[in-house]
Amino acid sequence: MRILDEQYLKTPFFGSRKMVEVLLDHGFTVNRKRVQRLMRLMGLEAIYQKPRTTVAAPGHKKYPYLLGGVRPVGWPADIHSTT
């Protein structure tokens, strides 16, 4: 855990896969699940840019959702049923 902490201070963008490589270089035999568990226990999380898929561009027009208050009437099967 000490080596994980020291390495995290040097390279906070390393995830569990890279940390496994670092520990293997130090002579420890560990797998990724153990490193994930230790990092979670220590509160370490890789720092990287997260996807921002729902942020609109400043110049784009925002269109309203027209079906916001509409409730469906019946099932689609009702259209083709013969009564």
PDB file of N, CA and C in Angstrom:
ATOM      1  N   MET A   1       0.840  -1.189   0.000  1.00  0.00           N
ATOM      2  CA  MET A   1       0.000   0.000   0.000  1.00  0.00           C
ATOM      3  C   MET A   1       0.887   1.255   0.000  1.00  0.00           C
ATOM      4  N   ARG A   2       2.030   1.161   0.657  1.00  0.00           N
ATOM      5  CA  ARG A   2       2.930   2.316   0.677  1.00  0.00           C
ATOM      6  C   ARG A   2       3.439   2.617  -0.732  1.00  0.00           C
ATOM      7  N   ILE A   3       3.800   1.567  -1.461  1.00  0.00           N
ATOM      8  CA  ILE A   3       4.294   1.758  -2.834  1.00  0.00           C
ATOM      9  C   ILE A   3       3.185   2.320  -3.720  1.00  0.00           C
ATOM     10  N   LEU A   4       1.964   1.832  -3.536  1.00  0.00           N
ATOM     11  CA  LEU A   4       0.830   2.378  -4.289  1.00  0.00           C
ATOM     12  C   LEU A   4       0.664   3.865  -4.007  1.00  0.00           C
ATOM     13  N   ASP A   5       0.750   4.234  -2.738  1.00  0.00           N
ATOM     14  CA  ASP A   5       0.577   5.635  -2.359  1.00  0.00           C
ATOM     15  C   ASP A   5       1.686   6.508  -2.936  1.00  0.00           C
ATOM     16  N   GLU A   6       2.932   6.039  -2.851  1.00  0.00           N
ATOM     17  CA  GLU A   6       4.044   6.817  -3.404  1.00  0.00           C
ATOM     18  C   GLU A   6       3.914   6.972  -4.910  1.00  0.00           C
ATOM     19  N   GLN A   7       3.544   5.896  -5.575  1.00  0.00           N
ATOM     20  CA  GLN A   7       3.397   5.959  -7.037  1.00  0.00           C
ATOM     21  C   GLN A   7       2.232   6.859  -7.428  1.00  0.00           C
ATOM     22  N   TYR A   8       1.154   6.826  -6.636  1.00  0.00           N
ATOM     23  CA  TYR A   8      -0.004   7.679  -6.931  1.00  0.00           C
ATOM     24  C   TYR A   8       0.361   9.154  -6.809  1.00  0.00           C
ATOM     25  N   LEU A   9       1.217   9.483  -5.842  1.00  0.00           N
ATOM     26  CA  LEU A   9       1.639  10.881  -5.691  1.00  0.00           C
ATOM     27  C   LEU A   9       2.478  11.328  -6.885  1.00  0.00           C
ATOM     28  N   LYS A  10       3.250  10.409  -7.457  1.00  0.00           N
ATOM     29  CA  LYS A  10       4.056  10.742  -8.638  1.00  0.00           C
ATOM     30  C   LYS A  10       3.203  10.806  -9.900  1.00  0.00           C
ATOM     31  N   THR A  11       2.337   9.819 -10.067  1.00  0.00           N
ATOM     32  CA  THR A  11       1.535   9.695 -11.290  1.00  0.00           C
ATOM     33  C   THR A  11       0.082   9.417 -10.930  1.00  0.00           C
ATOM     34  N   PRO A  12      -0.703  10.454 -10.617  1.00  0.00           N
ATOM     35  CA  PRO A  12      -2.096  10.232 -10.200  1.00  0.00           C
ATOM     36  C   PRO A  12      -3.012   9.770 -11.335  1.00  0.00           C
ATOM     37  N   PHE A  13      -2.499   9.745 -12.555  1.00  0.00           N
ATOM     38  CA  PHE A  13      -3.322   9.319 -13.685  1.00  0.00           C
ATOM     39  C   PHE A  13      -3.197   7.827 -13.952  1.00  0.00           C
ATOM     40  N   PHE A  14      -2.385   7.108 -13.180  1.00  0.00           N
ATOM     41  CA  PHE A  14      -2.270   5.663 -13.336  1.00  0.00           C
ATOM     42  C   PHE A  14      -3.493   4.986 -12.734  1.00  0.00           C
ATOM     43  N   GLY A  15      -4.062   4.066 -13.484  1.00  0.00           N
ATOM     44  CA  GLY A  15      -5.159   3.254 -12.982  1.00  0.00           C
ATOM     45  C   GLY A  15      -4.636   1.949 -12.417  1.00  0.00           C
ATOM     46  N   SER A  16      -5.528   1.012 -12.190  1.00  0.00           N
ATOM     47  CA  SER A  16      -5.132  -0.246 -11.564  1.00  0.00           C
ATOM     48  C   SER A  16      -4.220  -1.069 -12.471  1.00  0.00           C
ATOM     49  N   ARG A  17      -4.411  -0.989 -13.776  1.00  0.00           N
ATOM     50  CA  ARG A  17      -3.579  -1.780 -14.690  1.00  0.00           C
ATOM     51  C   ARG A  17      -2.123  -1.319 -14.654  1.00  0.00           C
ATOM     52  N   LYS A  18      -1.906  -0.018 -14.686  1.00  0.00           N
ATOM     53  CA  LYS A  18      -0.540   0.494 -14.634  1.00  0.00           C
ATOM     54  C   LYS A  18       0.079   0.283 -13.249  1.00  0.00           C
ATOM     55  N   MET A  19      -0.744   0.370 -12.210  1.00  0.00           N
ATOM     56  CA  MET A  19      -0.232   0.142 -10.861  1.00  0.00           C
ATOM     57  C   MET A  19       0.229  -1.303 -10.699  1.00  0.00           C
ATOM     58  N   VAL A  20      -0.444  -2.237 -11.348  1.00  0.00           N
ATOM     59  CA  VAL A  20      -0.002  -3.635 -11.311  1.00  0.00           C
ATOM     60  C   VAL A  20       1.384  -3.748 -11.920  1.00  0.00           C
ATOM     61  N   GLU A  21       1.618  -3.067 -13.041  1.00  0.00           N
ATOM     62  CA  GLU A  21       2.933  -3.096 -13.672  1.00  0.00           C
ATOM     63  C   GLU A  21       4.006  -2.523 -12.746  1.00  0.00           C
ATOM     64  N   VAL A  22       3.680  -1.438 -12.042  1.00  0.00           N
ATOM     65  CA  VAL A  22       4.628  -0.832 -11.109  1.00  0.00           C
ATOM     66  C   VAL A  22       4.958  -1.816  -9.988  1.00  0.00           C
ATOM     67  N   LEU A  23       3.945  -2.468  -9.438  1.00  0.00           N
ATOM     68  CA  LEU A  23       4.180  -3.419  -8.351  1.00  0.00           C
ATOM     69  C   LEU A  23       4.956  -4.638  -8.835  1.00  0.00           C
ATOM     70  N   LEU A  24       4.698  -5.074 -10.064  1.00  0.00           N
ATOM     71  CA  LEU A  24       5.467  -6.187 -10.618  1.00  0.00           C
ATOM     72  C   LEU A  24       6.935  -5.796 -10.767  1.00  0.00           C
ATOM     73  N   ASP A  25       7.207  -4.545 -11.152  1.00  0.00           N
ATOM     74  CA  ASP A  25       8.584  -4.065 -11.251  1.00  0.00           C
ATOM     75  C   ASP A  25       9.283  -4.033  -9.888  1.00  0.00           C
ATOM     76  N   HIS A  26       8.496  -3.824  -8.819  1.00  0.00           N
ATOM     77  CA  HIS A  26       9.052  -3.819  -7.459  1.00  0.00           C
ATOM     78  C   HIS A  26       9.167  -5.234  -6.888  1.00  0.00           C
ATOM     79  N   GLY A  27       8.740  -6.242  -7.642  1.00  0.00           N
ATOM     80  CA  GLY A  27       8.888  -7.624  -7.196  1.00  0.00           C
ATOM     81  C   GLY A  27       7.680  -8.211  -6.498  1.00  0.00           C
ATOM     82  N   PHE A  28       6.551  -7.505  -6.500  1.00  0.00           N
ATOM     83  CA  PHE A  28       5.330  -8.029  -5.883  1.00  0.00           C
ATOM     84  C   PHE A  28       4.502  -8.766  -6.931  1.00  0.00           C
ATOM     85  N   THR A  29       3.939  -9.895  -6.558  1.00  0.00           N
ATOM     86  CA  THR A  29       3.068 -10.645  -7.455  1.00  0.00           C
ATOM     87  C   THR A  29       1.630 -10.341  -7.051  1.00  0.00           C
ATOM     88  N   VAL A  30       0.970  -9.497  -7.815  1.00  0.00           N
ATOM     89  CA  VAL A  30      -0.420  -9.113  -7.533  1.00  0.00           C
ATOM     90  C   VAL A  30      -1.203  -9.137  -8.832  1.00  0.00           C
ATOM     91  N   ASN A  31      -2.509  -9.280  -8.696  1.00  0.00           N
ATOM     92  CA  ASN A  31      -3.348  -9.162  -9.884  1.00  0.00           C
ATOM     93  C   ASN A  31      -4.145  -7.862  -9.809  1.00  0.00           C
ATOM     94  N   ARG A  32      -4.851  -7.559 -10.872  1.00  0.00           N
ATOM     95  CA  ARG A  32      -5.527  -6.267 -10.994  1.00  0.00           C
ATOM     96  C   ARG A  32      -6.659  -6.112  -9.992  1.00  0.00           C
ATOM     97  N   LYS A  33      -7.379  -7.198  -9.694  1.00  0.00           N
ATOM     98  CA  LYS A  33      -8.496  -7.097  -8.755  1.00  0.00           C
ATOM     99  C   LYS A  33      -8.011  -6.703  -7.357  1.00  0.00           C
ATOM    100  N   ARG A  34      -6.868  -7.240  -6.968  1.00  0.00           N
ATOM    101  CA  ARG A  34      -6.329  -6.877  -5.653  1.00  0.00           C
ATOM    102  C   ARG A  34      -5.924  -5.409  -5.627  1.00  0.00           C
ATOM    103  N   VAL A  35      -5.298  -4.955  -6.696  1.00  0.00           N
ATOM    104  CA  VAL A  35      -4.887  -3.545  -6.760  1.00  0.00           C
ATOM    105  C   VAL A  35      -6.117  -2.647  -6.784  1.00  0.00           C
ATOM    106  N   GLN A  36      -7.170  -3.051  -7.494  1.00  0.00           N
ATOM    107  CA  GLN A  36      -8.405  -2.269  -7.498  1.00  0.00           C
ATOM    108  C   GLN A  36      -8.977  -2.163  -6.091  1.00  0.00           C
ATOM    109  N   ARG A  37      -8.979  -3.284  -5.370  1.00  0.00           N
ATOM    110  CA  ARG A  37      -9.512  -3.287  -4.014  1.00  0.00           C
ATOM    111  C   ARG A  37      -8.683  -2.390  -3.098  1.00  0.00           C
ATOM    112  N   LEU A  38      -7.363  -2.470  -3.208  1.00  0.00           N
ATOM    113  CA  LEU A  38      -6.500  -1.637  -2.364  1.00  0.00           C
ATOM    114  C   LEU A  38      -6.652  -0.159  -2.699  1.00  0.00           C
ATOM    115  N   MET A  39      -6.737   0.156  -3.978  1.00  0.00           N
ATOM    116  CA  MET A  39      -6.912   1.564  -4.373  1.00  0.00           C
ATOM    117  C   MET A  39      -8.248   2.099  -3.869  1.00  0.00           C
ATOM    118  N   ARG A  40      -9.288   1.280  -3.948  1.00  0.00           N
ATOM    119  CA  ARG A  40     -10.602   1.694  -3.451  1.00  0.00           C
ATOM    120  C   ARG A  40     -10.545   1.889  -1.933  1.00  0.00           C
ATOM    121  N   LEU A  41      -9.847   0.987  -1.232  1.00  0.00           N
ATOM    122  CA  LEU A  41      -9.708   1.073   0.219  1.00  0.00           C
ATOM    123  C   LEU A  41      -8.965   2.342   0.622  1.00  0.00           C
ATOM    124  N   MET A  42      -7.955   2.718  -0.166  1.00  0.00           N
ATOM    125  CA  MET A  42      -7.160   3.905   0.137  1.00  0.00           C
ATOM    126  C   MET A  42      -7.803   5.188  -0.393  1.00  0.00           C
ATOM    127  N   GLY A  43      -8.859   5.058  -1.180  1.00  0.00           N
ATOM    128  CA  GLY A  43      -9.527   6.234  -1.736  1.00  0.00           C
ATOM    129  C   GLY A  43      -8.808   6.817  -2.933  1.00  0.00           C
ATOM    130  N   LEU A  44      -8.025   6.004  -3.634  1.00  0.00           N
ATOM    131  CA  LEU A  44      -7.284   6.471  -4.807  1.00  0.00           C
ATOM    132  C   LEU A  44      -8.094   6.202  -6.058  1.00  0.00           C
ATOM    133  N   GLU A  45      -8.153   7.180  -6.931  1.00  0.00           N
ATOM    134  CA  GLU A  45      -8.861   7.052  -8.198  1.00  0.00           C
ATOM    135  C   GLU A  45      -8.036   7.749  -9.268  1.00  0.00           C
ATOM    136  N   ALA A  46      -7.912   7.103 -10.408  1.00  0.00           N
ATOM    137  CA  ALA A  46      -7.124   7.683 -11.489  1.00  0.00           C
ATOM    138  C   ALA A  46      -7.757   8.996 -11.943  1.00  0.00           C
ATOM    139  N   ILE A  47      -6.917   9.991 -12.151  1.00  0.00           N
ATOM    140  CA  ILE A  47      -7.395  11.305 -12.591  1.00  0.00           C
ATOM    141  C   ILE A  47      -7.272  11.360 -14.110  1.00  0.00           C
ATOM    142  N   TYR A  48      -8.391  11.507 -14.777  1.00  0.00           N
ATOM    143  CA  TYR A  48      -8.397  11.640 -16.227  1.00  0.00           C
ATOM    144  C   TYR A  48      -9.644  12.415 -16.631  1.00  0.00           C
ATOM    145  N   GLN A  49      -9.652  12.895 -17.826  1.00  0.00           N
ATOM    146  CA  GLN A  49     -10.785  13.687 -18.291  1.00  0.00           C
ATOM    147  C   GLN A  49     -11.958  12.771 -18.572  1.00  0.00           C
ATOM    148  N   LYS A  50     -13.052  13.001 -17.880  1.00  0.00           N
ATOM    149  CA  LYS A  50     -14.256  12.188 -18.033  1.00  0.00           C
ATOM    150  C   LYS A  50     -15.034  12.666 -19.259  1.00  0.00           C
ATOM    151  N   PRO A  51     -15.808  11.793 -19.898  1.00  0.00           N
ATOM    152  CA  PRO A  51     -16.602  12.224 -21.044  1.00  0.00           C
ATOM    153  C   PRO A  51     -17.717  13.178 -20.615  1.00  0.00           C
ATOM    154  N   ARG A  52     -17.917  14.208 -21.406  1.00  0.00           N
ATOM    155  CA  ARG A  52     -18.984  15.173 -21.125  1.00  0.00           C
ATOM    156  C   ARG A  52     -19.982  15.132 -22.268  1.00  0.00           C
ATOM    157  N   THR A  53     -20.743  14.073 -22.328  1.00  0.00           N
ATOM    158  CA  THR A  53     -21.615  13.846 -23.476  1.00  0.00           C
ATOM    159  C   THR A  53     -22.903  14.660 -23.428  1.00  0.00           C
ATOM    160  N   THR A  54     -23.311  15.143 -22.271  1.00  0.00           N
ATOM    161  CA  THR A  54     -24.589  15.849 -22.188  1.00  0.00           C
ATOM    162  C   THR A  54     -24.441  17.363 -22.132  1.00  0.00           C
ATOM    163  N   VAL A  55     -23.250  17.878 -22.315  1.00  0.00           N
ATOM    164  CA  VAL A  55     -23.038  19.322 -22.283  1.00  0.00           C
ATOM    165  C   VAL A  55     -23.172  19.858 -23.709  1.00  0.00           C
ATOM    166  N   ALA A  56     -24.129  20.752 -23.904  1.00  0.00           N
ATOM    167  CA  ALA A  56     -24.376  21.310 -25.234  1.00  0.00           C
ATOM    168  C   ALA A  56     -23.317  22.352 -25.578  1.00  0.00           C
ATOM    169  N   ALA A  57     -23.040  22.466 -26.859  1.00  0.00           N
ATOM    170  CA  ALA A  57     -22.114  23.490 -27.334  1.00  0.00           C
ATOM    171  C   ALA A  57     -22.764  24.859 -27.157  1.00  0.00           C
ATOM    172  N   PRO A  58     -21.989  25.912 -26.891  1.00  0.00           N
ATOM    173  CA  PRO A  58     -22.571  27.229 -26.613  1.00  0.00           C
ATOM    174  C   PRO A  58     -23.409  27.800 -27.758  1.00  0.00           C
ATOM    175  N   GLY A  59     -23.042  27.546 -29.007  1.00  0.00           N
ATOM    176  CA  GLY A  59     -23.761  28.146 -30.120  1.00  0.00           C
ATOM    177  C   GLY A  59     -24.957  27.354 -30.627  1.00  0.00           C
ATOM    178  N   HIS A  60     -25.180  26.158 -30.118  1.00  0.00           N
ATOM    179  CA  HIS A  60     -26.261  25.316 -30.630  1.00  0.00           C
ATOM    180  C   HIS A  60     -27.598  25.693 -30.016  1.00  0.00           C
ATOM    181  N   LYS A  61     -28.646  25.595 -30.856  1.00  0.00           N
ATOM    182  CA  LYS A  61     -29.998  25.883 -30.390  1.00  0.00           C
ATOM    183  C   LYS A  61     -30.544  24.663 -29.669  1.00  0.00           C
ATOM    184  N   LYS A  62     -31.232  24.873 -28.552  1.00  0.00           N
ATOM    185  CA  LYS A  62     -31.845  23.788 -27.796  1.00  0.00           C
ATOM    186  C   LYS A  62     -33.314  23.713 -28.164  1.00  0.00           C
ATOM    187  N   TYR A  63     -33.737  22.564 -28.661  1.00  0.00           N
ATOM    188  CA  TYR A  63     -35.124  22.368 -29.053  1.00  0.00           C
ATOM    189  C   TYR A  63     -35.899  21.755 -27.890  1.00  0.00           C
ATOM    190  N   PRO A  64     -37.160  22.178 -27.704  1.00  0.00           N
ATOM    191  CA  PRO A  64     -37.947  21.618 -26.601  1.00  0.00           C
ATOM    192  C   PRO A  64     -38.395  20.194 -26.921  1.00  0.00           C
ATOM    193  N   TYR A  65     -38.605  19.400 -25.888  1.00  0.00           N
ATOM    194  CA  TYR A  65     -39.125  18.052 -26.047  1.00  0.00           C
ATOM    195  C   TYR A  65     -40.640  18.159 -26.119  1.00  0.00           C
ATOM    196  N   LEU A  66     -41.213  17.908 -27.291  1.00  0.00           N
ATOM    197  CA  LEU A  66     -42.626  18.160 -27.531  1.00  0.00           C
ATOM    198  C   LEU A  66     -43.547  17.112 -26.920  1.00  0.00           C
ATOM    199  N   LEU A  67     -43.037  15.946 -26.602  1.00  0.00           N
ATOM    200  CA  LEU A  67     -43.882  14.896 -26.028  1.00  0.00           C
ATOM    201  C   LEU A  67     -43.753  14.832 -24.515  1.00  0.00           C
ATOM    202  N   GLY A  68     -43.301  15.899 -23.902  1.00  0.00           N
ATOM    203  CA  GLY A  68     -43.062  15.895 -22.466  1.00  0.00           C
ATOM    204  C   GLY A  68     -44.295  15.626 -21.633  1.00  0.00           C
ATOM    205  N   GLY A  69     -45.428  16.219 -21.944  1.00  0.00           N
ATOM    206  CA  GLY A  69     -46.629  16.046 -21.128  1.00  0.00           C
ATOM    207  C   GLY A  69     -47.657  15.118 -21.743  1.00  0.00           C
ATOM    208  N   VAL A  70     -47.351  14.469 -22.853  1.00  0.00           N
ATOM    209  CA  VAL A  70     -48.310  13.615 -23.544  1.00  0.00           C
ATOM    210  C   VAL A  70     -48.286  12.221 -22.929  1.00  0.00           C
ATOM    211  N   ARG A  71     -49.468  11.695 -22.614  1.00  0.00           N
ATOM    212  CA  ARG A  71     -49.567  10.334 -22.089  1.00  0.00           C
ATOM    213  C   ARG A  71     -50.003   9.408 -23.217  1.00  0.00           C
ATOM    214  N   PRO A  72     -49.427   8.226 -23.320  1.00  0.00           N
ATOM    215  CA  PRO A  72     -49.826   7.300 -24.383  1.00  0.00           C
ATOM    216  C   PRO A  72     -51.252   6.805 -24.175  1.00  0.00           C
ATOM    217  N   VAL A  73     -51.966   6.664 -25.274  1.00  0.00           N
ATOM    218  CA  VAL A  73     -53.346   6.191 -25.224  1.00  0.00           C
ATOM    219  C   VAL A  73     -53.388   4.808 -25.861  1.00  0.00           C
ATOM    220  N   GLY A  74     -53.560   3.776 -25.067  1.00  0.00           N
ATOM    221  CA  GLY A  74     -53.639   2.408 -25.586  1.00  0.00           C
ATOM    222  C   GLY A  74     -52.279   1.857 -25.956  1.00  0.00           C
ATOM    223  N   TRP A  75     -52.280   0.668 -26.494  1.00  0.00           N
ATOM    224  CA  TRP A  75     -51.067  -0.027 -26.904  1.00  0.00           C
ATOM    225  C   TRP A  75     -50.943   0.031 -28.412  1.00  0.00           C
ATOM    226  N   PRO A  76     -49.753  -0.107 -28.971  1.00  0.00           N
ATOM    227  CA  PRO A  76     -49.594  -0.122 -30.428  1.00  0.00           C
ATOM    228  C   PRO A  76     -50.372  -1.251 -31.094  1.00  0.00           C
ATOM    229  N   ALA A  77     -50.609  -2.327 -30.375  1.00  0.00           N
ATOM    230  CA  ALA A  77     -51.375  -3.444 -30.940  1.00  0.00           C
ATOM    231  C   ALA A  77     -52.819  -3.064 -31.172  1.00  0.00           C
ATOM    232  N   ASP A  78     -53.348  -2.054 -30.479  1.00  0.00           N
ATOM    233  CA  ASP A  78     -54.736  -1.630 -30.614  1.00  0.00           C
ATOM    234  C   ASP A  78     -55.003  -1.054 -32.007  1.00  0.00           C
ATOM    235  N   ILE A  79     -53.977  -0.582 -32.683  1.00  0.00           N
ATOM    236  CA  ILE A  79     -54.162   0.037 -33.988  1.00  0.00           C
ATOM    237  C   ILE A  79     -54.595  -1.012 -35.015  1.00  0.00           C
ATOM    238  N   HIS A  80     -53.993  -2.194 -34.936  1.00  0.00           N
ATOM    239  CA  HIS A  80     -54.236  -3.217 -35.936  1.00  0.00           C
ATOM    240  C   HIS A  80     -55.324  -4.212 -35.534  1.00  0.00           C
ATOM    241  N   SER A  81     -55.852  -4.117 -34.352  1.00  0.00           N
ATOM    242  CA  SER A  81     -56.838  -5.101 -33.932  1.00  0.00           C
ATOM    243  C   SER A  81     -58.167  -4.845 -34.629  1.00  0.00           C
ATOM    244  N   THR A  82     -58.836  -5.910 -34.934  1.00  0.00           N
ATOM    245  CA  THR A  82     -60.154  -5.817 -35.584  1.00  0.00           C
ATOM    246  C   THR A  82     -61.212  -6.116 -34.539  1.00  0.00           C
ATOM    247  N   THR A  83     -62.039  -5.138 -34.267  1.00  0.00           N
ATOM    248  CA  THR A  83     -63.083  -5.315 -33.262  1.00  0.00           C
ATOM    249  C   THR A  83     -64.439  -5.169 -33.875  1.00  0.00           C
TER     250      THR A  83
END
